[in-house]
Amino acid sequence: MSAPAPSTSFSSAQRIVIAGAGPAAQALVRQLSGARFSGTATVLSNRDDAPEELLELALLPQVSVRFGQPASHIDAEARTVATADGMEFAYDQLVIATGSAPLDAPVEGSGHCLSYSTIDDAARIGEAVMDITKGLGRRPLGILVGTGAAAGQAEAVLRARGVRPIRTTVRPAAVVPASSGSVLGSSGVIFADGSSMNGDLVVLAEERVSRDGLAASAGLQTAANGGIVISRDFRTSVPGIWAIGDAAAFDGVRLGLLVAAASAAGVCATQLMTSAPAGTALKLAA
């Protein structure tokens, strides 16, 4: 998705709020920092804990991270964002990067297997497959659980990396962990009727839904199957509001299945920087 020439400029100090502290939001902050954006950034995170990747961002001189303060309401006319605990942040531009969530509760034992939800998972799965193949000394047999676009992408990734995937659309009741000391994280799945499938690795590629709850309060256009509708430059239907990552949808598809987080963040960062004059303040709310 290439970035067209910017059409918006501001004469006053910029306040940019980014809702979401996941991979897409983090990538955007890094892109802006790497480009030596001269403003400041405030990240509002819905997480109460302080993961290492967010702490690293908080150490940047122009970044302030607010933990446990997710954006809950947007007043597009007043250009303000309210958090769940009642704090309010004014913005000149807003970037929504709230990600997606699984439709169903986690499968028992899913922590032992691989998962595929966005295109960024391809590299991680590829590295795991390489380790498993090396440990086995042969081509692995994979069990792929899921339907839809994510499962189709996951199957292509597995085949490209030499895995023989057996795909099932029936949701298992549990994932069977591999034996202690094995290079494998999981060795099969068990279904509700007691039947099972065994293999060398398990990949869950189940359906997810965009976290687009902020869209309604701002009057943003959303796709029929979820996700905030964006243009090729990540602008939404409301001026001054952008969306990246899995909260966004392009041509009816979750953006995470189309564009890597770093690539989306790079284009969006360029748009934000060219839309804002040098020396203005950048405010990121996640």
Protein backbone atom coordinates (compact mmCIF):
# COMPACT_ATOMS: atom_id res chain seq x y z
CA MET A 1 0.00 0.00 0.00
CA SER A 2 1.84 3.07 -1.24
CA ALA A 3 1.41 6.51 0.27
CA PRO A 4 -0.02 9.28 -1.92
CA ALA A 5 1.06 12.86 -1.58
CA PRO A 6 -0.28 14.37 1.65
CA SER A 7 -3.17 16.79 1.35
CA THR A 8 -3.44 17.99 4.95
CA SER A 9 -1.26 20.47 6.80
CA PHE A 10 -1.49 22.23 10.14
CA SER A 11 -0.15 25.55 11.32
CA SER A 12 -0.52 24.87 15.05
CA ALA A 13 1.22 22.38 17.32
CA GLN A 14 0.30 18.77 16.53
CA ARG A 15 -1.21 16.44 19.10
CA ILE A 16 -1.45 12.93 17.68
CA VAL A 17 -3.14 10.21 19.75
CA ILE A 18 -2.64 6.52 18.90
CA ALA A 19 -5.11 4.11 20.49
CA GLY A 20 -3.46 0.70 20.97
CA ALA A 21 -0.14 -0.52 22.39
CA GLY A 22 0.30 -3.72 20.42
CA PRO A 23 2.80 -4.57 17.66
CA ALA A 24 1.40 -2.05 15.15
CA ALA A 25 1.42 0.83 17.65
CA GLN A 26 4.91 -0.09 18.84
CA ALA A 27 6.15 -0.25 15.25
CA LEU A 28 4.70 3.19 14.58
CA VAL A 29 6.48 4.71 17.58
CA ARG A 30 9.76 3.12 16.47
CA GLN A 31 9.30 4.41 12.93
CA LEU A 32 8.70 7.94 14.16
CA SER A 33 11.60 7.76 16.58
CA GLY A 34 13.92 6.35 13.92
CA ALA A 35 12.94 9.15 11.58
CA ARG A 36 13.83 11.60 14.35
CA PHE A 37 10.37 13.08 14.57
CA SER A 38 10.77 16.20 16.66
CA GLY A 39 7.51 15.99 18.59
CA THR A 40 6.48 14.05 21.69
CA ALA A 41 4.54 10.81 22.06
CA THR A 42 2.15 9.58 24.74
CA VAL A 43 1.17 5.91 24.55
CA LEU A 44 -1.99 4.87 26.42
CA SER A 45 -1.89 1.11 26.95
CA ASN A 46 -4.76 -1.15 28.00
CA ARG A 47 -2.23 -3.33 29.82
CA ASP A 48 -1.70 -2.91 33.54
CA ASP A 49 1.66 -4.67 33.38
CA ALA A 50 4.80 -3.22 31.84
CA PRO A 51 6.16 -5.58 29.15
CA GLU A 52 9.76 -5.06 28.14
CA GLU A 53 8.94 -3.79 24.66
CA LEU A 54 6.77 -0.98 26.07
CA LEU A 55 9.33 -0.10 28.72
CA GLU A 56 11.91 0.29 25.96
CA LEU A 57 9.63 2.75 24.18
CA ALA A 58 9.01 4.62 27.43
CA LEU A 59 12.75 5.26 27.70
CA LEU A 60 12.72 7.28 24.49
CA PRO A 61 12.96 10.97 25.38
CA GLN A 62 9.90 11.98 23.37
CA VAL A 63 7.66 9.09 24.52
CA SER A 64 5.41 8.78 27.59
CA VAL A 65 3.62 5.46 28.18
CA ARG A 66 0.39 5.40 30.20
CA PHE A 67 -0.26 1.85 31.39
CA GLY A 68 -3.78 0.61 32.12
CA GLN A 69 -5.46 3.55 30.40
CA PRO A 70 -7.15 2.29 27.22
CA ALA A 71 -9.03 4.70 25.00
CA SER A 72 -12.77 4.19 25.46
CA HIS A 73 -14.50 7.03 23.60
CA ILE A 74 -13.73 9.44 20.78
CA ASP A 75 -15.41 12.80 20.32
CA ALA A 76 -14.52 13.43 16.68
CA GLU A 77 -16.09 16.88 16.64
CA ALA A 78 -14.19 18.10 19.71
CA ARG A 79 -11.16 15.97 18.75
CA THR A 80 -10.73 14.39 22.16
CA VAL A 81 -10.17 10.83 23.35
CA ALA A 82 -11.40 9.69 26.76
CA THR A 83 -9.87 6.75 28.63
CA ALA A 84 -11.66 4.13 30.70
CA ASP A 85 -10.74 5.90 33.93
CA GLY A 86 -12.03 9.30 32.78
CA MET A 87 -8.86 10.98 31.53
CA GLU A 88 -9.24 13.05 28.38
CA PHE A 89 -6.67 13.77 25.67
CA ALA A 90 -7.08 16.32 22.92
CA TYR A 91 -5.69 15.48 19.50
CA ASP A 92 -5.11 16.97 16.09
CA GLN A 93 -4.72 13.54 14.54
CA LEU A 94 -5.65 10.13 15.94
CA VAL A 95 -4.29 6.70 14.99
CA ILE A 96 -6.29 3.65 16.10
CA ALA A 97 -4.17 0.50 16.54
CA THR A 98 -6.24 -1.59 18.95
CA GLY A 99 -5.67 -4.91 17.15
CA SER A 100 -7.98 -7.93 17.08
CA ALA A 101 -9.30 -10.59 19.43
CA PRO A 102 -10.12 -14.32 18.98
CA LEU A 103 -13.78 -15.15 18.43
CA ASP A 104 -13.67 -18.12 20.79
CA ALA A 105 -12.10 -18.88 24.15
CA PRO A 106 -8.59 -20.39 23.92
CA VAL A 107 -8.32 -24.11 23.27
CA GLU A 108 -7.05 -25.99 26.31
CA GLY A 109 -3.28 -26.33 26.00
CA SER A 110 -3.04 -23.79 23.16
CA GLY A 111 0.03 -22.30 24.80
CA HIS A 112 1.98 -25.37 23.67
CA CYS A 113 1.29 -24.86 19.95
CA LEU A 114 1.93 -22.28 17.24
CA SER A 115 -0.64 -19.71 16.20
CA TYR A 116 -1.27 -17.74 13.04
CA SER A 117 -3.38 -14.59 13.17
CA THR A 118 -1.49 -12.02 11.08
CA ILE A 119 1.10 -12.03 8.33
CA ASP A 120 3.75 -11.17 10.94
CA ASP A 121 3.35 -14.69 12.38
CA ALA A 122 4.85 -16.23 9.22
CA ALA A 123 8.45 -15.48 10.25
CA ARG A 124 7.95 -16.83 13.77
CA ILE A 125 6.40 -20.05 12.46
CA GLY A 126 9.20 -20.39 9.93
CA GLU A 127 11.83 -20.24 12.68
CA ALA A 128 9.96 -22.82 14.77
CA VAL A 129 9.62 -25.16 11.79
CA MET A 130 13.36 -24.87 11.12
CA ASP A 131 14.16 -25.92 14.69
CA ILE A 132 11.67 -28.79 14.62
CA THR A 133 12.94 -30.06 11.26
CA LYS A 134 16.50 -29.99 12.52
CA GLY A 135 15.57 -31.87 15.68
CA LEU A 136 13.56 -34.53 13.83
CA GLY A 137 15.96 -34.95 10.94
CA ARG A 138 13.03 -35.20 8.53
CA ARG A 139 10.12 -33.28 7.06
CA PRO A 140 7.60 -32.51 9.83
CA LEU A 141 3.94 -33.48 9.78
CA GLY A 142 1.78 -30.54 10.83
CA ILE A 143 -1.80 -30.27 12.07
CA LEU A 144 -3.50 -27.04 11.01
CA VAL A 145 -6.72 -25.99 12.72
CA GLY A 146 -8.88 -23.26 11.23
CA THR A 147 -10.95 -21.88 8.39
CA GLY A 148 -10.91 -18.67 6.42
CA ALA A 149 -8.12 -16.44 5.16
CA ALA A 150 -5.82 -16.90 8.16
CA ALA A 151 -5.85 -20.68 7.83
CA GLY A 152 -5.22 -20.43 4.09
CA GLN A 153 -2.20 -18.24 4.67
CA ALA A 154 -0.92 -20.51 7.44
CA GLU A 155 -1.16 -23.54 5.14
CA ALA A 156 0.84 -21.73 2.45
CA VAL A 157 3.49 -20.79 5.03
CA LEU A 158 3.79 -24.37 6.27
CA ARG A 159 4.06 -25.85 2.78
CA ALA A 160 6.66 -23.28 1.75
CA ARG A 161 8.77 -24.35 4.74
CA GLY A 162 8.57 -28.06 4.01
CA VAL A 163 5.81 -29.07 6.42
CA ARG A 164 3.19 -31.60 5.36
CA PRO A 165 0.02 -29.98 6.76
CA ILE A 166 -3.13 -31.89 7.62
CA ARG A 167 -5.93 -29.36 7.89
CA THR A 168 -9.02 -29.74 10.03
CA THR A 169 -11.95 -27.33 10.32
CA VAL A 170 -13.25 -29.06 13.46
CA ARG A 171 -12.19 -27.18 16.59
CA PRO A 172 -10.31 -29.45 19.02
CA ALA A 173 -11.09 -29.65 22.70
CA ALA A 174 -7.41 -29.67 23.66
CA VAL A 175 -3.88 -29.52 22.32
CA VAL A 176 -1.61 -32.37 23.42
CA PRO A 177 1.78 -31.10 24.66
CA ALA A 178 4.90 -32.90 23.50
CA SER A 179 6.84 -35.11 25.88
CA SER A 180 9.39 -33.50 28.17
CA GLY A 181 12.69 -32.77 26.46
CA SER A 182 11.19 -32.91 22.97
CA VAL A 183 11.94 -30.19 20.41
CA LEU A 184 8.22 -30.11 19.72
CA GLY A 185 5.83 -27.87 21.58
CA SER A 186 2.82 -30.04 20.81
CA SER A 187 2.24 -33.48 19.36
CA GLY A 188 -1.44 -33.53 18.48
CA VAL A 189 -5.01 -32.52 19.24
CA ILE A 190 -7.97 -34.20 20.93
CA PHE A 191 -11.55 -33.53 19.79
CA ALA A 192 -14.70 -33.36 21.90
CA ASP A 193 -15.80 -36.83 20.80
CA GLY A 194 -12.54 -38.37 22.05
CA SER A 195 -10.93 -38.80 18.64
CA SER A 196 -7.48 -37.40 18.05
CA MET A 197 -4.90 -36.39 15.45
CA ASN A 198 -1.17 -36.76 15.96
CA GLY A 199 1.66 -34.88 14.30
CA ASP A 200 4.96 -33.10 14.81
CA LEU A 201 3.50 -29.62 15.35
CA VAL A 202 0.13 -27.94 15.74
CA VAL A 203 -0.85 -24.56 14.31
CA LEU A 204 -4.07 -22.80 15.33
CA ALA A 205 -5.30 -20.32 12.72
CA GLU A 206 -8.72 -19.54 14.11
CA GLU A 207 -10.92 -16.61 13.20
CA ARG A 208 -10.40 -13.27 14.92
CA VAL A 209 -12.44 -10.07 15.06
CA SER A 210 -11.09 -6.54 14.85
CA ARG A 211 -11.24 -4.48 18.03
CA ASP A 212 -13.09 -1.62 16.40
CA GLY A 213 -15.30 -0.55 19.31
CA LEU A 214 -13.95 3.00 19.15
CA ALA A 215 -15.37 3.38 15.65
CA ALA A 216 -18.98 3.85 16.76
CA SER A 217 -18.23 6.76 19.08
CA ALA A 218 -16.36 8.57 16.30
CA GLY A 219 -18.80 7.75 13.50
CA LEU A 220 -16.16 5.82 11.55
CA GLN A 221 -17.13 3.58 8.65
CA THR A 222 -16.60 -0.12 9.42
CA ALA A 223 -16.50 -3.19 7.19
CA ALA A 224 -19.41 -5.65 7.14
CA ASN A 225 -17.29 -8.36 8.81
CA GLY A 226 -15.57 -5.97 11.22
CA GLY A 227 -12.67 -3.57 11.09
CA ILE A 228 -12.35 0.17 10.55
CA VAL A 229 -12.43 0.93 6.83
CA ILE A 230 -9.24 2.63 5.63
CA SER A 231 -7.87 3.98 2.37
CA ARG A 232 -4.48 3.07 0.94
CA ASP A 233 -2.78 5.69 3.11
CA PHE A 234 -4.51 4.39 6.29
CA ARG A 235 -6.95 7.29 6.58
CA THR A 236 -10.41 6.46 7.89
CA SER A 237 -13.74 7.98 6.80
CA VAL A 238 -13.38 10.78 9.38
CA PRO A 239 -10.74 13.48 8.80
CA GLY A 240 -7.88 13.44 11.27
CA ILE A 241 -8.33 9.77 12.22
CA TRP A 242 -6.16 6.92 10.91
CA ALA A 243 -6.12 3.17 11.60
CA ILE A 244 -3.36 0.55 11.30
CA GLY A 245 -2.92 -3.07 12.34
CA ASP A 246 -5.70 -5.58 12.88
CA ALA A 247 -8.22 -2.94 13.98
CA ALA A 248 -8.30 -1.76 10.36
CA ALA A 249 -9.82 -3.36 7.28
CA PHE A 250 -8.88 -2.80 3.66
CA ASP A 251 -11.17 -4.10 0.93
CA GLY A 252 -13.08 -6.03 3.62
CA VAL A 253 -10.03 -7.93 4.93
CA ARG A 254 -8.28 -7.49 8.30
CA LEU A 255 -5.20 -5.41 7.63
CA GLY A 256 -2.97 -7.78 9.59
CA LEU A 257 -3.58 -10.43 6.94
CA LEU A 258 -2.51 -8.05 4.17
CA VAL A 259 0.33 -5.87 5.45
CA ALA A 260 3.08 -6.49 8.00
CA ALA A 261 2.91 -4.23 11.04
CA ALA A 262 6.27 -2.59 10.29
CA SER A 263 5.28 -1.82 6.70
CA ALA A 264 1.95 -0.32 7.71
CA ALA A 265 3.62 1.71 10.45
CA GLY A 266 6.23 2.99 8.00
CA VAL A 267 3.66 4.31 5.55
CA CYS A 268 1.49 5.78 8.29
CA ALA A 269 4.48 7.43 9.97
CA THR A 270 5.46 9.04 6.69
CA GLN A 271 1.94 10.35 6.28
CA LEU A 272 1.87 11.74 9.81
CA MET A 273 5.24 13.42 9.45
CA THR A 274 4.46 14.99 6.09
CA SER A 275 1.05 16.10 7.36
CA ALA A 276 2.60 17.85 10.36
CA PRO A 277 5.11 20.68 10.19
CA ALA A 278 8.49 20.08 11.81
CA GLY A 279 8.76 20.81 15.50
CA THR A 280 5.13 20.05 16.33
CA ALA A 281 4.08 17.77 19.16
CA LEU A 282 3.14 14.15 18.52
CA LYS A 283 0.86 12.45 21.03
CA LEU A 284 0.29 8.69 20.84
CA ALA A 285 -2.51 7.16 22.91
CA ALA A 286 -2.74 3.40 23.08
